[in-house]
Amino acid sequence: MESILQAEHLIKKFADFTAVNDISFDLRAGEIFSLLGPNGAGKTTTISMLSTLTSPSAGDAVIGGHSIKRDPMAVRQLIGVVPQEIALYEDLSARENLNFWGQMYGLSGKTLKQRVEEVLERTGMTEKAAQRVKTYSGGMKRRINIGVGLLHRPQLLFMDEPTVGIDPQSRRAILDTVKDLNHEGMTVLYTTHYMEEAQELSDRVGIIDHGQLIALGTQAELTRQVGETDTLILHVGETDITDGLVEKLRGLHGVIRADSTDHTVAVITPAAEEILAPVISAANESGIKIRSVDIQEPNLESVFLHLTGRALRD
């Protein structure tokens, strides 16, 4: 499959801080590619470089045959961007916002009017189009935010955490919109820290942490990296100190890895049910009360835990 985007050794530094550290990947035409990682991992900075909003400190990317460094204007004609922050004028209506941004894309006349109405229908906002944006819910604002990125029919759509802070119904509508767009041929680069979104949407996933791309592949390829293992998740009290328990667990037979984060203890093991009793005994000996236990088969979150030693949503 032909690549529409090739990122080569992208680096972005802010003074002494390296936000993105030597990232390389390609995006194939017609796929949904997700960058999955916790807040602060470098996802937004990567999108900012690829969309030519900020220049890389080193490296380059080619989109549709055009370099983001040497030919940014040509790149901007090919891409649509849905930023994490809402980029709308609160005192204007949805239709007025879309008309304004459509003109910024160079649309006018009948073409602009037609595209605005098509986007309103696509986002389910036709009936609310005349209302001021400041009267909208967070989910409604995000739908119009997506609509702005679609106005000029881009070949490639960047979506940066588009479901953050919205209700489940609006999230469902946005995820369905992403899938519908992709089925119609749209190529999508989607960033998220929600493992379930990446699992539902993605043809391939890049796992990013501390500015580095630590794994990349299909979901099947990524889960094979952790082998035939389960992840035993122990939910403990907010005030429990689990360092001692983790040390005990690391010494148990059948435990590949044990780590604690965010009021949980995660244990990677070939057979979770077989070690459950010894794990609970170790918790009791450590004075830790286990509130609940989950057993996860290999998935993207267990891959992240296996590679980094911490939960995805730190």
Protein backbone atom coordinates (compact mmCIF):
# COMPACT_ATOMS: atom_id res chain seq x y z
CA MET A 1 0.00 0.00 0.00
CA GLU A 2 1.29 3.45 -0.96
CA SER A 3 2.46 5.73 1.84
CA ILE A 4 0.91 9.19 2.07
CA LEU A 5 3.21 10.27 4.91
CA GLN A 6 6.78 9.37 5.79
CA ALA A 7 8.25 10.83 8.98
CA GLU A 8 12.02 10.49 9.25
CA HIS A 9 13.91 11.06 12.52
CA LEU A 10 11.70 13.89 13.75
CA ILE A 11 13.07 15.71 16.78
CA LYS A 12 11.60 18.69 18.61
CA LYS A 13 13.42 20.44 21.44
CA PHE A 14 12.27 23.30 23.64
CA ALA A 15 15.44 24.68 25.25
CA ASP A 16 16.87 21.71 27.18
CA PHE A 17 13.67 19.63 26.95
CA THR A 18 13.24 17.10 24.13
CA ALA A 19 9.51 16.72 23.49
CA VAL A 20 9.89 14.40 20.48
CA ASN A 21 12.99 12.26 20.22
CA ASP A 22 13.90 10.78 16.83
CA ILE A 23 10.51 9.50 15.64
CA SER A 24 10.16 7.70 12.32
CA PHE A 25 7.04 6.09 10.86
CA ASP A 26 4.95 5.98 7.73
CA LEU A 27 1.22 6.37 7.16
CA ARG A 28 -0.39 4.31 4.43
CA ALA A 29 -3.11 5.76 2.23
CA GLY A 30 -6.56 4.72 3.43
CA GLU A 31 -5.64 3.59 6.94
CA ILE A 32 -6.32 4.81 10.46
CA PHE A 33 -3.01 5.08 12.28
CA SER A 34 -3.16 5.84 16.02
CA LEU A 35 -0.45 7.36 18.17
CA LEU A 36 -1.23 5.92 21.59
CA GLY A 37 0.40 7.24 24.74
CA PRO A 38 -0.17 9.06 28.03
CA ASN A 39 -0.49 12.81 28.42
CA GLY A 40 2.85 14.50 27.80
CA ALA A 41 4.16 11.68 25.61
CA GLY A 42 4.78 13.93 22.58
CA LYS A 43 1.64 13.24 20.56
CA THR A 44 0.50 16.85 20.15
CA THR A 45 4.02 18.06 19.38
CA THR A 46 4.28 15.40 16.66
CA ILE A 47 0.97 16.54 15.14
CA SER A 48 2.12 20.17 15.33
CA MET A 49 5.26 19.38 13.33
CA LEU A 50 3.46 17.26 10.74
CA SER A 51 0.80 19.93 10.23
CA THR A 52 3.55 22.61 9.81
CA LEU A 53 2.41 24.59 12.86
CA THR A 54 5.89 24.24 14.35
CA SER A 55 9.22 23.40 12.73
CA PRO A 56 11.15 20.29 13.74
CA SER A 57 14.51 20.79 15.43
CA ALA A 58 15.82 17.98 13.23
CA GLY A 59 14.48 15.45 10.78
CA ASP A 60 11.73 15.88 8.22
CA ALA A 61 8.45 14.42 7.00
CA VAL A 62 7.07 14.09 3.49
CA ILE A 63 3.30 14.29 2.97
CA GLY A 64 1.92 13.62 -0.48
CA GLY A 65 5.41 14.14 -1.89
CA HIS A 66 5.95 17.50 -0.14
CA SER A 67 8.40 18.22 2.67
CA ILE A 68 6.96 19.83 5.79
CA LYS A 69 10.17 21.93 5.99
CA ARG A 70 10.67 22.93 2.36
CA ASP A 71 7.09 23.10 1.07
CA PRO A 72 4.71 23.69 4.01
CA MET A 73 2.08 25.49 1.92
CA ALA A 74 1.65 22.47 -0.34
CA VAL A 75 1.36 20.23 2.73
CA ARG A 76 -1.40 22.41 4.17
CA GLN A 77 -3.47 21.94 1.02
CA LEU A 78 -3.46 18.17 1.59
CA ILE A 79 -4.22 17.96 5.30
CA GLY A 80 -7.04 18.73 7.69
CA VAL A 81 -6.34 19.31 11.37
CA VAL A 82 -8.64 18.72 14.33
CA PRO A 83 -6.69 20.18 17.27
CA GLN A 84 -7.07 19.08 20.87
CA GLU A 85 -8.06 22.61 21.86
CA ILE A 86 -11.35 23.90 20.49
CA ALA A 87 -10.57 26.36 17.67
CA LEU A 88 -13.93 28.10 17.28
CA TYR A 89 -15.31 31.60 17.82
CA GLU A 90 -17.73 31.34 20.75
CA ASP A 91 -19.89 34.31 19.73
CA LEU A 92 -20.46 32.99 16.21
CA SER A 93 -22.84 30.21 15.24
CA ALA A 94 -21.64 26.88 13.90
CA ARG A 95 -22.54 27.91 10.35
CA GLU A 96 -20.73 31.23 10.74
CA ASN A 97 -17.64 29.48 12.09
CA LEU A 98 -17.63 27.04 9.19
CA ASN A 99 -18.07 29.86 6.67
CA PHE A 100 -15.16 31.76 8.22
CA TRP A 101 -12.80 28.79 8.26
CA GLY A 102 -13.91 27.73 4.77
CA GLN A 103 -12.83 31.12 3.47
CA MET A 104 -9.48 30.65 5.20
CA TYR A 105 -9.12 27.45 3.16
CA GLY A 106 -9.86 29.40 -0.03
CA LEU A 107 -13.45 28.26 -0.51
CA SER A 108 -16.11 30.69 -1.69
CA GLY A 109 -19.51 31.03 -3.33
CA LYS A 110 -21.62 27.96 -4.02
CA THR A 111 -18.74 25.61 -3.23
CA LEU A 112 -18.36 27.04 0.27
CA LYS A 113 -22.11 27.01 0.93
CA GLN A 114 -22.40 23.40 -0.24
CA ARG A 115 -19.43 22.24 1.85
CA VAL A 116 -20.75 23.97 4.98
CA GLU A 117 -24.11 22.23 4.66
CA GLU A 118 -22.45 18.87 3.95
CA VAL A 119 -20.21 19.21 6.99
CA LEU A 120 -23.13 20.21 9.22
CA GLU A 121 -25.00 17.11 8.10
CA ARG A 122 -21.92 14.94 8.52
CA THR A 123 -21.43 16.09 12.12
CA GLY A 124 -25.13 15.93 13.01
CA MET A 125 -25.28 19.66 13.70
CA THR A 126 -27.68 20.94 11.02
CA GLU A 127 -30.51 21.63 13.45
CA LYS A 128 -28.21 23.55 15.82
CA ALA A 129 -26.27 25.37 13.11
CA ALA A 130 -27.73 28.82 13.83
CA GLN A 131 -27.00 28.76 17.57
CA ARG A 132 -23.94 30.44 19.00
CA VAL A 133 -21.10 28.09 19.81
CA LYS A 134 -20.97 29.30 23.43
CA THR A 135 -24.38 27.65 23.99
CA TYR A 136 -23.07 24.23 22.89
CA SER A 137 -22.02 21.30 25.03
CA GLY A 138 -18.41 20.16 24.89
CA GLY A 139 -19.36 17.31 22.57
CA MET A 140 -21.16 19.63 20.15
CA LYS A 141 -18.18 21.97 20.02
CA ARG A 142 -15.91 19.04 19.23
CA ARG A 143 -18.17 17.95 16.38
CA ILE A 144 -17.92 21.41 14.78
CA ASN A 145 -14.17 21.37 15.47
CA ILE A 146 -14.01 18.20 13.39
CA GLY A 147 -16.18 19.79 10.73
CA VAL A 148 -13.69 22.64 10.27
CA GLY A 149 -10.97 20.12 9.45
CA LEU A 150 -13.16 18.49 6.79
CA LEU A 151 -14.29 21.58 4.87
CA HIS A 152 -11.68 21.48 2.11
CA ARG A 153 -11.86 17.68 1.59
CA PRO A 154 -8.33 16.88 2.82
CA GLN A 155 -6.54 13.71 1.76
CA LEU A 156 -5.16 13.24 5.27
CA LEU A 157 -6.89 14.15 8.53
CA PHE A 158 -4.97 14.73 11.78
CA MET A 159 -7.11 14.27 14.89
CA ASP A 160 -5.46 15.14 18.19
CA GLU A 161 -7.31 13.67 21.20
CA PRO A 162 -10.74 14.59 19.73
CA THR A 163 -12.79 12.92 22.52
CA VAL A 164 -11.12 14.41 25.60
CA GLY A 165 -13.57 15.76 28.18
CA ILE A 166 -16.84 14.87 26.46
CA ASP A 167 -19.81 12.69 27.35
CA PRO A 168 -20.05 9.02 26.22
CA GLN A 169 -22.76 9.74 23.64
CA SER A 170 -20.69 12.44 21.94
CA ARG A 171 -17.61 10.21 22.05
CA ARG A 172 -19.57 7.45 20.35
CA ALA A 173 -20.70 9.86 17.63
CA ILE A 174 -17.14 11.04 17.01
CA LEU A 175 -15.72 7.51 16.82
CA ASP A 176 -18.46 6.52 14.38
CA THR A 177 -17.67 9.62 12.30
CA VAL A 178 -13.99 8.65 12.15
CA LYS A 179 -14.87 5.16 10.96
CA ASP A 180 -17.35 6.47 8.38
CA LEU A 181 -14.77 8.91 6.99
CA ASN A 182 -12.22 6.12 6.75
CA HIS A 183 -14.68 3.82 4.97
CA GLU A 184 -15.12 6.59 2.41
CA GLY A 185 -11.38 6.69 1.79
CA MET A 186 -10.08 9.25 4.29
CA THR A 187 -6.63 8.56 5.77
CA VAL A 188 -6.54 9.42 9.47
CA LEU A 189 -3.74 10.01 11.97
CA TYR A 190 -5.44 9.80 15.37
CA THR A 191 -3.84 10.50 18.74
CA THR A 192 -5.30 9.22 22.00
CA HIS A 193 -4.49 8.05 25.49
CA TYR A 194 -7.58 5.82 25.52
CA MET A 195 -6.53 2.26 24.78
CA GLU A 196 -10.08 1.22 23.85
CA GLU A 197 -10.26 3.91 21.14
CA ALA A 198 -7.01 2.76 19.55
CA GLN A 199 -8.23 -0.84 19.66
CA GLU A 200 -11.54 0.00 18.00
CA LEU A 201 -10.29 2.34 15.29
CA SER A 202 -6.78 1.45 14.26
CA ASP A 203 -5.28 -0.48 11.40
CA ARG A 204 -1.88 0.14 13.00
CA VAL A 205 -0.78 1.67 16.27
CA GLY A 206 2.37 3.51 17.30
CA ILE A 207 2.98 3.49 21.05
CA ILE A 208 4.69 6.69 22.17
CA ASP A 209 6.15 7.59 25.56
CA HIS A 210 8.55 10.31 26.74
CA GLY A 211 8.86 11.52 23.15
CA GLN A 212 9.95 8.18 21.74
CA LEU A 213 8.10 5.73 19.51
CA ILE A 214 8.67 2.51 21.45
CA ALA A 215 6.58 0.11 19.37
CA LEU A 216 4.68 0.12 16.09
CA GLY A 217 2.53 -2.40 14.26
CA THR A 218 -0.90 -3.93 13.95
CA GLN A 219 -2.63 -4.81 17.19
CA ALA A 220 -1.85 -8.48 16.62
CA GLU A 221 1.82 -7.71 16.01
CA LEU A 222 2.04 -5.58 19.15
CA THR A 223 0.32 -8.06 21.44
CA ARG A 224 2.64 -10.80 20.19
CA GLN A 225 5.51 -8.78 21.61
CA VAL A 226 4.38 -9.58 25.14
CA GLY A 227 3.89 -13.25 24.32
CA GLU A 228 1.24 -15.52 25.79
CA THR A 229 0.80 -13.56 28.99
CA ASP A 230 -1.98 -12.18 31.14
CA THR A 231 -1.98 -9.02 33.20
CA LEU A 232 -3.34 -9.29 36.73
CA ILE A 233 -4.56 -5.88 37.91
CA LEU A 234 -4.96 -5.39 41.67
CA HIS A 235 -6.96 -2.32 42.72
CA VAL A 236 -5.83 -1.11 46.15
CA GLY A 237 -6.68 1.77 48.48
CA GLU A 238 -5.64 5.32 47.63
CA THR A 239 -3.48 5.56 50.74
CA ASP A 240 -1.85 2.12 50.46
CA ILE A 241 1.92 2.11 49.95
CA THR A 242 2.61 -0.77 47.59
CA ASP A 243 6.42 -0.74 47.21
CA GLY A 244 6.85 -3.66 49.60
CA LEU A 245 4.13 -5.69 47.92
CA VAL A 246 5.67 -5.14 44.49
CA GLU A 247 9.03 -6.43 45.76
CA LYS A 248 7.34 -9.55 47.16
CA LEU A 249 5.48 -10.16 43.90
CA ARG A 250 8.64 -9.87 41.83
CA GLY A 251 10.03 -12.80 43.78
CA LEU A 252 7.04 -15.07 43.17
CA HIS A 253 7.34 -18.00 40.78
CA GLY A 254 5.43 -17.28 37.58
CA VAL A 255 5.67 -13.48 37.81
CA ILE A 256 7.38 -11.92 34.79
CA ARG A 257 6.97 -8.34 35.94
CA ALA A 258 5.25 -6.40 38.72
CA ASP A 259 4.76 -2.63 38.93
CA SER A 260 2.52 -0.20 40.80
CA THR A 261 0.88 3.00 39.61
CA ASP A 262 -2.30 5.00 40.13
CA HIS A 263 -3.71 2.92 43.03
CA THR A 264 -3.15 -0.33 41.14
CA VAL A 265 -0.58 -3.10 41.09
CA ALA A 266 -0.07 -4.80 37.73
CA VAL A 267 1.43 -8.26 37.45
CA ILE A 268 2.43 -9.78 34.10
CA THR A 269 2.31 -13.57 34.21
CA PRO A 270 1.79 -16.56 31.88
CA ALA A 271 -1.14 -17.77 34.02
CA ALA A 272 -3.01 -15.21 36.11
CA GLU A 273 -5.46 -17.62 37.72
CA GLU A 274 -2.68 -19.91 38.92
CA ILE A 275 -0.81 -17.15 40.77
CA LEU A 276 -3.88 -15.34 42.11
CA ALA A 277 -3.83 -17.06 45.51
CA PRO A 278 -0.10 -16.42 46.17
CA VAL A 279 -0.55 -12.80 45.07
CA ILE A 280 -3.42 -12.24 47.51
CA SER A 281 -1.40 -13.89 50.28
CA ALA A 282 1.52 -11.55 49.56
CA ALA A 283 -0.86 -8.58 49.74
CA ASN A 284 -2.21 -9.72 53.09
CA GLU A 285 1.32 -10.14 54.44
CA SER A 286 2.11 -6.60 53.29
CA GLY A 287 -0.96 -5.15 54.96
CA ILE A 288 -2.54 -4.21 51.61
CA LYS A 289 -6.27 -4.66 51.17
CA ILE A 290 -7.21 -5.56 47.60
CA ARG A 291 -10.48 -3.88 46.63
CA SER A 292 -10.93 -5.75 43.34
CA VAL A 293 -9.02 -7.84 40.79
CA ASP A 294 -9.10 -7.77 36.98
CA ILE A 295 -7.47 -10.24 34.61
CA GLN A 296 -6.60 -8.91 31.15
CA GLU A 297 -5.54 -10.95 28.19
CA PRO A 298 -2.82 -9.36 26.01
CA ASN A 299 -3.94 -5.99 24.64
CA LEU A 300 -2.47 -2.60 23.86
CA GLU A 301 -2.46 -1.54 27.50
CA SER A 302 -0.55 -4.66 28.55
CA VAL A 303 1.94 -4.00 25.74
CA PHE A 304 2.48 -0.48 27.09
CA LEU A 305 2.86 -1.79 30.63
CA HIS A 306 5.26 -4.50 29.48
CA LEU A 307 7.43 -2.02 27.58
CA THR A 308 7.43 0.86 30.05
CA GLY A 309 6.65 -0.60 33.45
CA ARG A 310 3.72 1.74 34.04
CA ALA A 311 0.06 2.00 33.20
CA LEU A 312 -1.03 3.81 30.06
CA ARG A 313 -3.05 6.49 31.88
CA ASP A 314 -0.39 7.80 34.25
